[in-house]
Amino acid sequence: MDTEKQQTENLKPEVVEQENEETLKIVEPTLEEQLTAMKDQWLRSVAECENVRRRFEKEKEDALKYAATQFARDMIGITDFLEKALENVADRDSLSESVKAFIEGVEMTQKEMHNAFSRHGVKKVDPENKTFDPNVHQAMIEVENPDVEPGKIVDIMQHGYTMHGRLLRPSMVSVSKK
């Protein structure tokens, strides 16, 4: 009978409420800790998703921005040939009208090429009278020149180019000896 009496006492509202409070005191901190941990995990996941989205957008933007890099490098070579051809033209006055017209066509082609470069963020690096910078110049030869400060560019053999600030090709230069 003792067991029956004890079971009956356990069913009294005061006893049940006391047991529930004790159970809550044990379970509540655990649930709060789990909730805090889950909130923290959720916030980290949201932040990571945002970082991935930003990185993807940046990569997509760069891919579009620099998609024509190899094409631009190829076109730079053609521009070099046009410049060399025009540099080597002798006295234009002694040339026939058809040759003058041909040279004018080459000049217009070169001008249009430079306009296209500008539209796509391709710029010529102008190293003239500047100090040698290995980030944008490639020293082909060092020369002694008492008239030029050491480390300055003396001659430009081939111009360099950048695309949206990124180097496509360094300028090939001769530099005064130090």
N, C-alpha and C. Protein backbone atom coordinates (compact mmCIF):
# COMPACT_ATOMS: atom_id res chain seq x y z
N MET A 1 0.79 -1.18 0.00
CA MET A 1 0.00 0.00 0.00
C MET A 1 0.84 1.26 0.00
N ASP A 2 1.98 1.13 0.53
CA ASP A 2 2.86 2.30 0.58
C ASP A 2 3.12 2.86 -0.82
N THR A 3 3.29 1.99 -1.74
CA THR A 3 3.55 2.41 -3.11
C THR A 3 2.34 3.13 -3.69
N GLU A 4 1.16 2.64 -3.37
CA GLU A 4 -0.04 3.30 -3.87
C GLU A 4 -0.18 4.69 -3.27
N LYS A 5 0.15 4.80 -2.00
CA LYS A 5 0.05 6.08 -1.31
C LYS A 5 1.06 7.07 -1.91
N GLN A 6 2.23 6.56 -2.19
CA GLN A 6 3.29 7.41 -2.75
C GLN A 6 2.90 7.86 -4.17
N GLN A 7 2.32 6.97 -4.95
CA GLN A 7 1.89 7.31 -6.30
C GLN A 7 0.78 8.35 -6.27
N THR A 8 -0.11 8.21 -5.29
CA THR A 8 -1.20 9.16 -5.16
C THR A 8 -0.65 10.53 -4.77
N GLU A 9 0.33 10.55 -3.89
CA GLU A 9 0.93 11.83 -3.49
C GLU A 9 1.65 12.48 -4.67
N ASN A 10 2.28 11.64 -5.49
CA ASN A 10 3.00 12.16 -6.66
C ASN A 10 2.06 12.82 -7.67
N LEU A 11 0.79 12.44 -7.65
CA LEU A 11 -0.17 13.00 -8.59
C LEU A 11 -0.80 14.29 -8.08
N LYS A 12 -0.53 14.68 -6.87
CA LYS A 12 -1.06 15.92 -6.34
C LYS A 12 -0.50 17.09 -7.15
N PRO A 13 -1.30 18.10 -7.41
CA PRO A 13 -0.86 19.23 -8.23
C PRO A 13 0.39 19.91 -7.69
N GLU A 14 0.54 20.03 -6.39
CA GLU A 14 1.72 20.70 -5.84
C GLU A 14 2.99 19.92 -6.16
N VAL A 15 2.91 18.61 -6.05
CA VAL A 15 4.07 17.76 -6.31
C VAL A 15 4.42 17.79 -7.79
N VAL A 16 3.39 17.68 -8.63
CA VAL A 16 3.62 17.70 -10.08
C VAL A 16 4.23 19.04 -10.49
N GLU A 17 3.71 20.14 -9.95
CA GLU A 17 4.23 21.46 -10.27
C GLU A 17 5.67 21.61 -9.82
N GLN A 18 5.99 21.10 -8.65
CA GLN A 18 7.35 21.17 -8.13
C GLN A 18 8.30 20.36 -9.02
N GLU A 19 7.86 19.19 -9.44
CA GLU A 19 8.69 18.36 -10.33
C GLU A 19 8.89 19.06 -11.68
N ASN A 20 7.82 19.69 -12.19
CA ASN A 20 7.92 20.41 -13.46
C ASN A 20 8.90 21.58 -13.34
N GLU A 21 8.86 22.29 -12.24
CA GLU A 21 9.79 23.40 -12.03
C GLU A 21 11.22 22.91 -11.96
N GLU A 22 11.44 21.81 -11.28
CA GLU A 22 12.80 21.24 -11.19
C GLU A 22 13.28 20.80 -12.57
N THR A 23 12.40 20.17 -13.32
CA THR A 23 12.75 19.74 -14.68
C THR A 23 13.04 20.95 -15.55
N LEU A 24 12.22 22.01 -15.43
CA LEU A 24 12.44 23.23 -16.20
C LEU A 24 13.79 23.87 -15.86
N LYS A 25 14.14 23.85 -14.58
CA LYS A 25 15.42 24.43 -14.16
C LYS A 25 16.58 23.68 -14.79
N ILE A 26 16.42 22.42 -15.05
CA ILE A 26 17.48 21.62 -15.66
C ILE A 26 17.46 21.81 -17.18
N VAL A 27 16.28 21.77 -17.78
CA VAL A 27 16.14 21.79 -19.24
C VAL A 27 16.29 23.20 -19.82
N GLU A 28 15.79 24.23 -19.13
CA GLU A 28 15.78 25.59 -19.66
C GLU A 28 17.17 26.11 -20.04
N PRO A 29 18.20 26.00 -19.18
CA PRO A 29 19.52 26.48 -19.58
C PRO A 29 20.05 25.73 -20.80
N THR A 30 19.79 24.46 -20.87
CA THR A 30 20.25 23.67 -22.01
C THR A 30 19.58 24.16 -23.29
N LEU A 31 18.29 24.42 -23.24
CA LEU A 31 17.57 24.93 -24.41
C LEU A 31 18.05 26.32 -24.80
N GLU A 32 18.30 27.18 -23.82
CA GLU A 32 18.81 28.52 -24.11
C GLU A 32 20.19 28.46 -24.74
N GLU A 33 21.03 27.57 -24.24
CA GLU A 33 22.36 27.40 -24.83
C GLU A 33 22.25 26.91 -26.27
N GLN A 34 21.35 25.96 -26.49
CA GLN A 34 21.15 25.45 -27.84
C GLN A 34 20.61 26.54 -28.76
N LEU A 35 19.68 27.34 -28.26
CA LEU A 35 19.12 28.43 -29.04
C LEU A 35 20.20 29.45 -29.40
N THR A 36 21.02 29.80 -28.43
CA THR A 36 22.12 30.74 -28.67
C THR A 36 23.09 30.18 -29.70
N ALA A 37 23.43 28.91 -29.56
CA ALA A 37 24.34 28.27 -30.50
C ALA A 37 23.74 28.24 -31.91
N MET A 38 22.45 27.94 -32.00
CA MET A 38 21.79 27.90 -33.31
C MET A 38 21.71 29.29 -33.94
N LYS A 39 21.43 30.31 -33.12
CA LYS A 39 21.40 31.69 -33.63
C LYS A 39 22.78 32.07 -34.17
N ASP A 40 23.81 31.74 -33.40
CA ASP A 40 25.18 32.05 -33.81
C ASP A 40 25.52 31.33 -35.12
N GLN A 41 25.16 30.07 -35.21
CA GLN A 41 25.42 29.29 -36.42
C GLN A 41 24.65 29.88 -37.61
N TRP A 42 23.41 30.28 -37.37
CA TRP A 42 22.61 30.88 -38.43
C TRP A 42 23.23 32.20 -38.92
N LEU A 43 23.65 33.05 -37.97
CA LEU A 43 24.26 34.32 -38.34
C LEU A 43 25.55 34.11 -39.13
N ARG A 44 26.33 33.14 -38.73
CA ARG A 44 27.56 32.84 -39.47
C ARG A 44 27.24 32.34 -40.88
N SER A 45 26.22 31.51 -40.99
CA SER A 45 25.81 31.01 -42.31
C SER A 45 25.34 32.14 -43.21
N VAL A 46 24.56 33.05 -42.65
CA VAL A 46 24.08 34.20 -43.43
C VAL A 46 25.27 35.05 -43.87
N ALA A 47 26.21 35.29 -42.97
CA ALA A 47 27.40 36.09 -43.31
C ALA A 47 28.23 35.39 -44.38
N GLU A 48 28.38 34.09 -44.26
CA GLU A 48 29.16 33.34 -45.25
C GLU A 48 28.47 33.40 -46.62
N CYS A 49 27.15 33.25 -46.64
CA CYS A 49 26.41 33.36 -47.90
C CYS A 49 26.60 34.73 -48.53
N GLU A 50 26.56 35.77 -47.72
CA GLU A 50 26.75 37.13 -48.23
C GLU A 50 28.17 37.30 -48.78
N ASN A 51 29.16 36.76 -48.09
CA ASN A 51 30.54 36.84 -48.57
C ASN A 51 30.71 36.09 -49.89
N VAL A 52 30.10 34.92 -50.00
CA VAL A 52 30.17 34.15 -51.24
C VAL A 52 29.50 34.92 -52.37
N ARG A 53 28.36 35.53 -52.08
CA ARG A 53 27.65 36.32 -53.10
C ARG A 53 28.51 37.49 -53.58
N ARG A 54 29.11 38.21 -52.61
CA ARG A 54 29.98 39.34 -52.98
C ARG A 54 31.18 38.88 -53.81
N ARG A 55 31.81 37.79 -53.37
CA ARG A 55 32.97 37.27 -54.10
C ARG A 55 32.56 36.86 -55.52
N PHE A 56 31.42 36.20 -55.65
CA PHE A 56 30.92 35.80 -56.96
C PHE A 56 30.68 37.01 -57.84
N GLU A 57 30.05 38.04 -57.30
CA GLU A 57 29.79 39.27 -58.06
C GLU A 57 31.10 39.91 -58.52
N LYS A 58 32.10 39.94 -57.64
CA LYS A 58 33.41 40.52 -57.99
C LYS A 58 34.07 39.71 -59.09
N GLU A 59 34.03 38.38 -58.96
CA GLU A 59 34.63 37.52 -59.98
C GLU A 59 33.90 37.67 -61.31
N LYS A 60 32.58 37.78 -61.26
CA LYS A 60 31.79 37.96 -62.47
C LYS A 60 32.14 39.30 -63.13
N GLU A 61 32.24 40.34 -62.31
CA GLU A 61 32.59 41.67 -62.81
C GLU A 61 33.98 41.66 -63.44
N ASP A 62 34.95 41.03 -62.76
CA ASP A 62 36.31 40.94 -63.30
C ASP A 62 36.34 40.12 -64.59
N ALA A 63 35.58 39.03 -64.63
CA ALA A 63 35.55 38.20 -65.84
C ALA A 63 35.04 39.01 -67.03
N LEU A 64 34.01 39.80 -66.82
CA LEU A 64 33.50 40.64 -67.90
C LEU A 64 34.49 41.74 -68.26
N LYS A 65 35.09 42.32 -67.23
CA LYS A 65 36.01 43.44 -67.43
C LYS A 65 37.26 43.00 -68.20
N TYR A 66 37.77 41.83 -67.88
CA TYR A 66 39.03 41.38 -68.46
C TYR A 66 38.85 40.26 -69.49
N ALA A 67 37.62 40.06 -69.97
CA ALA A 67 37.36 38.97 -70.92
C ALA A 67 38.17 39.14 -72.21
N ALA A 68 38.41 40.35 -72.61
CA ALA A 68 39.09 40.62 -73.87
C ALA A 68 40.60 40.79 -73.69
N THR A 69 41.15 40.36 -72.58
CA THR A 69 42.57 40.58 -72.31
C THR A 69 43.46 39.98 -73.39
N GLN A 70 43.26 38.72 -73.73
CA GLN A 70 44.12 38.07 -74.73
C GLN A 70 43.92 38.72 -76.10
N PHE A 71 42.69 39.05 -76.42
CA PHE A 71 42.42 39.73 -77.69
C PHE A 71 43.13 41.08 -77.73
N ALA A 72 43.08 41.82 -76.62
CA ALA A 72 43.76 43.12 -76.54
C ALA A 72 45.26 42.95 -76.74
N ARG A 73 45.83 41.91 -76.12
CA ARG A 73 47.27 41.67 -76.30
C ARG A 73 47.60 41.42 -77.77
N ASP A 74 46.76 40.66 -78.44
CA ASP A 74 46.98 40.40 -79.87
C ASP A 74 46.87 41.69 -80.68
N MET A 75 45.92 42.53 -80.35
CA MET A 75 45.72 43.77 -81.09
C MET A 75 46.85 44.77 -80.83
N ILE A 76 47.46 44.69 -79.67
CA ILE A 76 48.60 45.57 -79.37
C ILE A 76 49.73 45.31 -80.36
N GLY A 77 49.96 44.05 -80.67
CA GLY A 77 51.00 43.71 -81.66
C GLY A 77 50.71 44.34 -83.01
N ILE A 78 49.46 44.33 -83.42
CA ILE A 78 49.08 44.94 -84.70
C ILE A 78 49.29 46.45 -84.64
N THR A 79 48.95 47.05 -83.51
CA THR A 79 49.16 48.49 -83.33
C THR A 79 50.64 48.83 -83.45
N ASP A 80 51.49 47.98 -82.87
CA ASP A 80 52.94 48.20 -82.97
C ASP A 80 53.39 48.23 -84.43
N PHE A 81 52.88 47.30 -85.23
CA PHE A 81 53.25 47.25 -86.65
C PHE A 81 52.77 48.50 -87.39
N LEU A 82 51.59 48.97 -87.07
CA LEU A 82 51.09 50.19 -87.70
C LEU A 82 51.97 51.38 -87.35
N GLU A 83 52.36 51.49 -86.07
CA GLU A 83 53.23 52.59 -85.64
C GLU A 83 54.58 52.53 -86.33
N LYS A 84 55.16 51.34 -86.40
CA LYS A 84 56.47 51.19 -87.06
C LYS A 84 56.37 51.55 -88.54
N ALA A 85 55.29 51.13 -89.18
CA ALA A 85 55.11 51.45 -90.60
C ALA A 85 55.05 52.96 -90.80
N LEU A 86 54.32 53.65 -89.93
CA LEU A 86 54.20 55.10 -90.07
C LEU A 86 55.49 55.83 -89.70
N GLU A 87 56.24 55.29 -88.75
CA GLU A 87 57.53 55.90 -88.37
C GLU A 87 58.53 55.82 -89.52
N ASN A 88 58.43 54.79 -90.32
CA ASN A 88 59.41 54.56 -91.38
C ASN A 88 59.04 55.21 -92.72
N VAL A 89 57.99 55.99 -92.74
CA VAL A 89 57.61 56.68 -93.97
C VAL A 89 58.60 57.83 -94.18
N ALA A 90 59.16 57.86 -95.37
CA ALA A 90 60.12 58.92 -95.70
C ALA A 90 59.35 60.21 -96.00
N ASP A 91 59.99 61.11 -96.64
CA ASP A 91 59.42 62.40 -97.01
C ASP A 91 58.12 62.20 -97.80
N ARG A 92 57.02 62.64 -97.23
CA ARG A 92 55.71 62.40 -97.86
C ARG A 92 55.50 63.24 -99.12
N ASP A 93 56.18 64.35 -99.20
CA ASP A 93 55.99 65.22 -100.36
C ASP A 93 56.41 64.54 -101.66
N SER A 94 57.40 63.66 -101.58
CA SER A 94 57.90 63.02 -102.79
C SER A 94 57.11 61.75 -103.16
N LEU A 95 56.11 61.42 -102.39
CA LEU A 95 55.34 60.20 -102.64
C LEU A 95 54.18 60.47 -103.59
N SER A 96 53.76 59.44 -104.28
CA SER A 96 52.62 59.57 -105.20
C SER A 96 51.33 59.71 -104.40
N GLU A 97 50.29 60.17 -105.05
CA GLU A 97 48.99 60.38 -104.40
C GLU A 97 48.42 59.07 -103.87
N SER A 98 48.61 57.99 -104.60
CA SER A 98 48.06 56.70 -104.15
C SER A 98 48.78 56.21 -102.89
N VAL A 99 50.07 56.44 -102.80
CA VAL A 99 50.83 56.04 -101.61
C VAL A 99 50.43 56.93 -100.43
N LYS A 100 50.24 58.23 -100.69
CA LYS A 100 49.80 59.14 -99.63
C LYS A 100 48.42 58.71 -99.10
N ALA A 101 47.54 58.32 -100.01
CA ALA A 101 46.21 57.86 -99.60
C ALA A 101 46.31 56.58 -98.78
N PHE A 102 47.23 55.71 -99.18
CA PHE A 102 47.43 54.46 -98.44
C PHE A 102 47.93 54.77 -97.02
N ILE A 103 48.89 55.68 -96.91
CA ILE A 103 49.43 56.06 -95.60
C ILE A 103 48.33 56.70 -94.75
N GLU A 104 47.50 57.52 -95.37
CA GLU A 104 46.39 58.14 -94.64
C GLU A 104 45.43 57.06 -94.12
N GLY A 105 45.21 56.03 -94.91
CA GLY A 105 44.36 54.91 -94.47
C GLY A 105 44.97 54.18 -93.28
N VAL A 106 46.28 54.01 -93.30
CA VAL A 106 46.97 53.36 -92.17
C VAL A 106 46.85 54.24 -90.93
N GLU A 107 47.00 55.56 -91.09
CA GLU A 107 46.86 56.48 -89.96
C GLU A 107 45.45 56.43 -89.37
N MET A 108 44.44 56.39 -90.24
CA MET A 108 43.06 56.31 -89.76
C MET A 108 42.81 54.98 -89.03
N THR A 109 43.40 53.91 -89.56
CA THR A 109 43.27 52.60 -88.91
C THR A 109 43.90 52.64 -87.52
N GLN A 110 45.08 53.23 -87.45
CA GLN A 110 45.77 53.34 -86.16
C GLN A 110 44.94 54.18 -85.18
N LYS A 111 44.40 55.29 -85.65
CA LYS A 111 43.58 56.16 -84.80
C LYS A 111 42.34 55.40 -84.30
N GLU A 112 41.69 54.67 -85.18
CA GLU A 112 40.50 53.91 -84.79
C GLU A 112 40.86 52.80 -83.80
N MET A 113 42.03 52.21 -83.97
CA MET A 113 42.51 51.18 -83.03
C MET A 113 42.69 51.80 -81.64
N HIS A 114 43.28 52.98 -81.56
CA HIS A 114 43.46 53.65 -80.27
C HIS A 114 42.11 54.04 -79.66
N ASN A 115 41.16 54.45 -80.48
CA ASN A 115 39.82 54.77 -79.97
C ASN A 115 39.15 53.52 -79.39
N ALA A 116 39.28 52.40 -80.09
CA ALA A 116 38.71 51.14 -79.60
C ALA A 116 39.38 50.74 -78.29
N PHE A 117 40.69 50.91 -78.21
CA PHE A 117 41.40 50.61 -76.96
C PHE A 117 40.83 51.45 -75.83
N SER A 118 40.64 52.75 -76.08
CA SER A 118 40.12 53.65 -75.04
C SER A 118 38.74 53.21 -74.57
N ARG A 119 37.89 52.82 -75.50
CA ARG A 119 36.53 52.38 -75.13
C ARG A 119 36.55 51.14 -74.24
N HIS A 120 37.60 50.34 -74.35
CA HIS A 120 37.67 49.09 -73.59
C HIS A 120 38.70 49.13 -72.46
N GLY A 121 39.13 50.33 -72.09
CA GLY A 121 40.01 50.49 -70.94
C GLY A 121 41.47 50.14 -71.17
N VAL A 122 41.88 50.05 -72.43
CA VAL A 122 43.28 49.74 -72.75
C VAL A 122 44.01 51.07 -72.94
N LYS A 123 45.08 51.26 -72.17
CA LYS A 123 45.84 52.51 -72.23
C LYS A 123 47.31 52.22 -72.47
N LYS A 124 47.92 53.12 -73.21
CA LYS A 124 49.36 53.01 -73.49
C LYS A 124 50.12 53.53 -72.28
N VAL A 125 51.16 52.81 -71.88
CA VAL A 125 52.03 53.26 -70.79
C VAL A 125 53.06 54.18 -71.42
N ASP A 126 53.15 55.41 -70.93
CA ASP A 126 54.10 56.37 -71.48
C ASP A 126 55.27 56.53 -70.50
N PRO A 127 56.37 55.83 -70.75
CA PRO A 127 57.49 55.88 -69.81
C PRO A 127 58.49 57.01 -70.08
N GLU A 128 58.21 57.85 -71.05
CA GLU A 128 59.17 58.88 -71.44
C GLU A 128 59.49 59.81 -70.27
N ASN A 129 60.80 60.02 -70.03
CA ASN A 129 61.33 60.88 -68.97
C ASN A 129 60.90 60.46 -67.57
N LYS A 130 60.63 59.20 -67.38
CA LYS A 130 60.23 58.70 -66.07
C LYS A 130 61.32 57.82 -65.48
N THR A 131 61.20 57.58 -64.18
CA THR A 131 62.12 56.68 -63.49
C THR A 131 61.68 55.25 -63.77
N PHE A 132 62.65 54.37 -63.94
CA PHE A 132 62.37 52.97 -64.22
C PHE A 132 61.54 52.36 -63.10
N ASP A 133 60.46 51.71 -63.46
CA ASP A 133 59.57 51.03 -62.51
C ASP A 133 59.40 49.59 -63.00
N PRO A 134 59.96 48.62 -62.28
CA PRO A 134 59.88 47.22 -62.75
C PRO A 134 58.45 46.67 -62.81
N ASN A 135 57.49 47.38 -62.23
CA ASN A 135 56.09 46.94 -62.30
C ASN A 135 55.47 47.19 -63.66
N VAL A 136 55.99 48.19 -64.39
CA VAL A 136 55.41 48.52 -65.70
C VAL A 136 56.45 48.62 -66.82
N HIS A 137 57.73 48.50 -66.46
CA HIS A 137 58.80 48.59 -67.46
C HIS A 137 59.66 47.34 -67.43
N GLN A 138 60.21 47.03 -68.59
CA GLN A 138 61.18 45.94 -68.67
C GLN A 138 62.46 46.53 -69.25
N ALA A 139 63.53 46.51 -68.45
CA ALA A 139 64.80 47.08 -68.89
C ALA A 139 65.46 46.11 -69.87
N MET A 140 65.69 46.57 -71.08
CA MET A 140 66.32 45.74 -72.10
C MET A 140 67.83 45.95 -72.12
N ILE A 141 68.23 47.16 -71.76
CA ILE A 141 69.65 47.49 -71.78
C ILE A 141 69.90 48.67 -70.84
N GLU A 142 71.10 48.69 -70.25
CA GLU A 142 71.52 49.84 -69.44
C GLU A 142 72.57 50.60 -70.24
N VAL A 143 72.43 51.90 -70.28
CA VAL A 143 73.36 52.73 -71.04
C VAL A 143 73.93 53.83 -70.15
N GLU A 144 75.15 54.20 -70.46
CA GLU A 144 75.76 55.32 -69.75
C GLU A 144 75.39 56.60 -70.48
N ASN A 145 74.82 57.51 -69.74
CA ASN A 145 74.43 58.78 -70.32
C ASN A 145 74.60 59.85 -69.24
N PRO A 146 75.66 60.67 -69.34
CA PRO A 146 75.91 61.67 -68.31
C PRO A 146 74.82 62.75 -68.24
N ASP A 147 74.05 62.90 -69.31
CA ASP A 147 73.00 63.92 -69.34
C ASP A 147 71.71 63.48 -68.64
N VAL A 148 71.62 62.18 -68.36
CA VAL A 148 70.38 61.64 -67.78
C VAL A 148 70.68 61.09 -66.39
N GLU A 149 69.80 61.39 -65.47
CA GLU A 149 69.91 60.92 -64.09
C GLU A 149 69.88 59.38 -64.06
N PRO A 150 70.70 58.75 -63.21
CA PRO A 150 70.70 57.28 -63.13
C PRO A 150 69.32 56.73 -62.76
N GLY A 151 68.94 55.63 -63.42
CA GLY A 151 67.65 55.00 -63.15
C GLY A 151 66.51 55.56 -63.99
N LYS A 152 66.82 56.60 -64.79
CA LYS A 152 65.79 57.19 -65.66
C LYS A 152 65.76 56.45 -66.99
N ILE A 153 64.61 56.48 -67.63
CA ILE A 153 64.45 55.83 -68.93
C ILE A 153 65.05 56.73 -70.00
N VAL A 154 65.92 56.12 -70.81
CA VAL A 154 66.62 56.86 -71.85
C VAL A 154 65.90 56.72 -73.18
N ASP A 155 65.48 55.50 -73.51
CA ASP A 155 64.86 55.24 -74.81
C ASP A 155 63.73 54.21 -74.65
N ILE A 156 62.72 54.36 -75.47
CA ILE A 156 61.59 53.42 -75.46
C ILE A 156 61.69 52.56 -76.72
N MET A 157 61.83 51.27 -76.52
CA MET A 157 61.90 50.36 -77.66
C MET A 157 60.51 49.88 -78.06
N GLN A 158 59.67 49.69 -77.07
CA GLN A 158 58.30 49.24 -77.33
C GLN A 158 57.42 49.71 -76.17
N HIS A 159 56.31 50.33 -76.50
CA HIS A 159 55.40 50.83 -75.47
C HIS A 159 54.67 49.68 -74.78
N GLY A 160 54.37 49.90 -73.51
CA GLY A 160 53.58 48.94 -72.75
C GLY A 160 52.12 49.37 -72.74
N TYR A 161 51.27 48.46 -72.29
CA TYR A 161 49.83 48.75 -72.24
C TYR A 161 49.23 48.17 -70.97
N THR A 162 48.19 48.85 -70.48
CA THR A 162 47.41 48.34 -69.35
C THR A 162 45.95 48.24 -69.78
N MET A 163 45.21 47.38 -69.09
CA MET A 163 43.77 47.27 -69.32
C MET A 163 43.08 47.39 -67.97
N HIS A 164 42.34 48.46 -67.79
CA HIS A 164 41.68 48.75 -66.50
C HIS A 164 42.69 48.70 -65.36
N GLY A 165 43.88 49.23 -65.61
CA GLY A 165 44.90 49.28 -64.57
C GLY A 165 45.75 48.02 -64.44
N ARG A 166 45.39 46.96 -65.12
CA ARG A 166 46.16 45.71 -65.07
C ARG A 166 47.11 45.68 -66.26
N LEU A 167 48.37 45.35 -66.00
CA LEU A 167 49.39 45.36 -67.04
C LEU A 167 49.15 44.27 -68.07
N LEU A 168 49.08 44.68 -69.34
CA LEU A 168 48.98 43.71 -70.44
C LEU A 168 50.37 43.37 -70.96
N ARG A 169 51.19 44.42 -71.09
CA ARG A 169 52.55 44.24 -71.58
C ARG A 169 53.41 45.37 -71.03
N PRO A 170 54.59 45.04 -70.49
CA PRO A 170 55.46 46.10 -69.98
C PRO A 170 56.12 46.87 -71.13
N SER A 171 56.50 48.11 -70.85
CA SER A 171 57.26 48.89 -71.82
C SER A 171 58.68 48.37 -71.86
N MET A 172 59.20 48.15 -73.05
CA MET A 172 60.59 47.71 -73.22
C MET A 172 61.42 48.99 -73.34
N VAL A 173 62.36 49.17 -72.41
CA VAL A 173 63.08 50.44 -72.34
C VAL A 173 64.58 50.23 -72.12
N SER A 174 65.33 51.29 -72.42
CA SER A 174 66.74 51.33 -72.01
C SER A 174 66.82 52.32 -70.85
N VAL A 175 67.66 51.99 -69.89
CA VAL A 175 67.74 52.75 -68.64
C VAL A 175 69.16 53.25 -68.44
N SER A 176 69.30 54.46 -67.89
CA SER A 176 70.63 54.99 -67.61
C SER A 176 71.23 54.24 -66.42
N LYS A 177 72.54 53.96 -66.53
CA LYS A 177 73.23 53.20 -65.48
C LYS A 177 73.30 54.01 -64.20
N LYS A 178 73.33 53.27 -63.12
CA LYS A 178 73.44 53.90 -61.80
C LYS A 178 74.87 53.99 -61.38
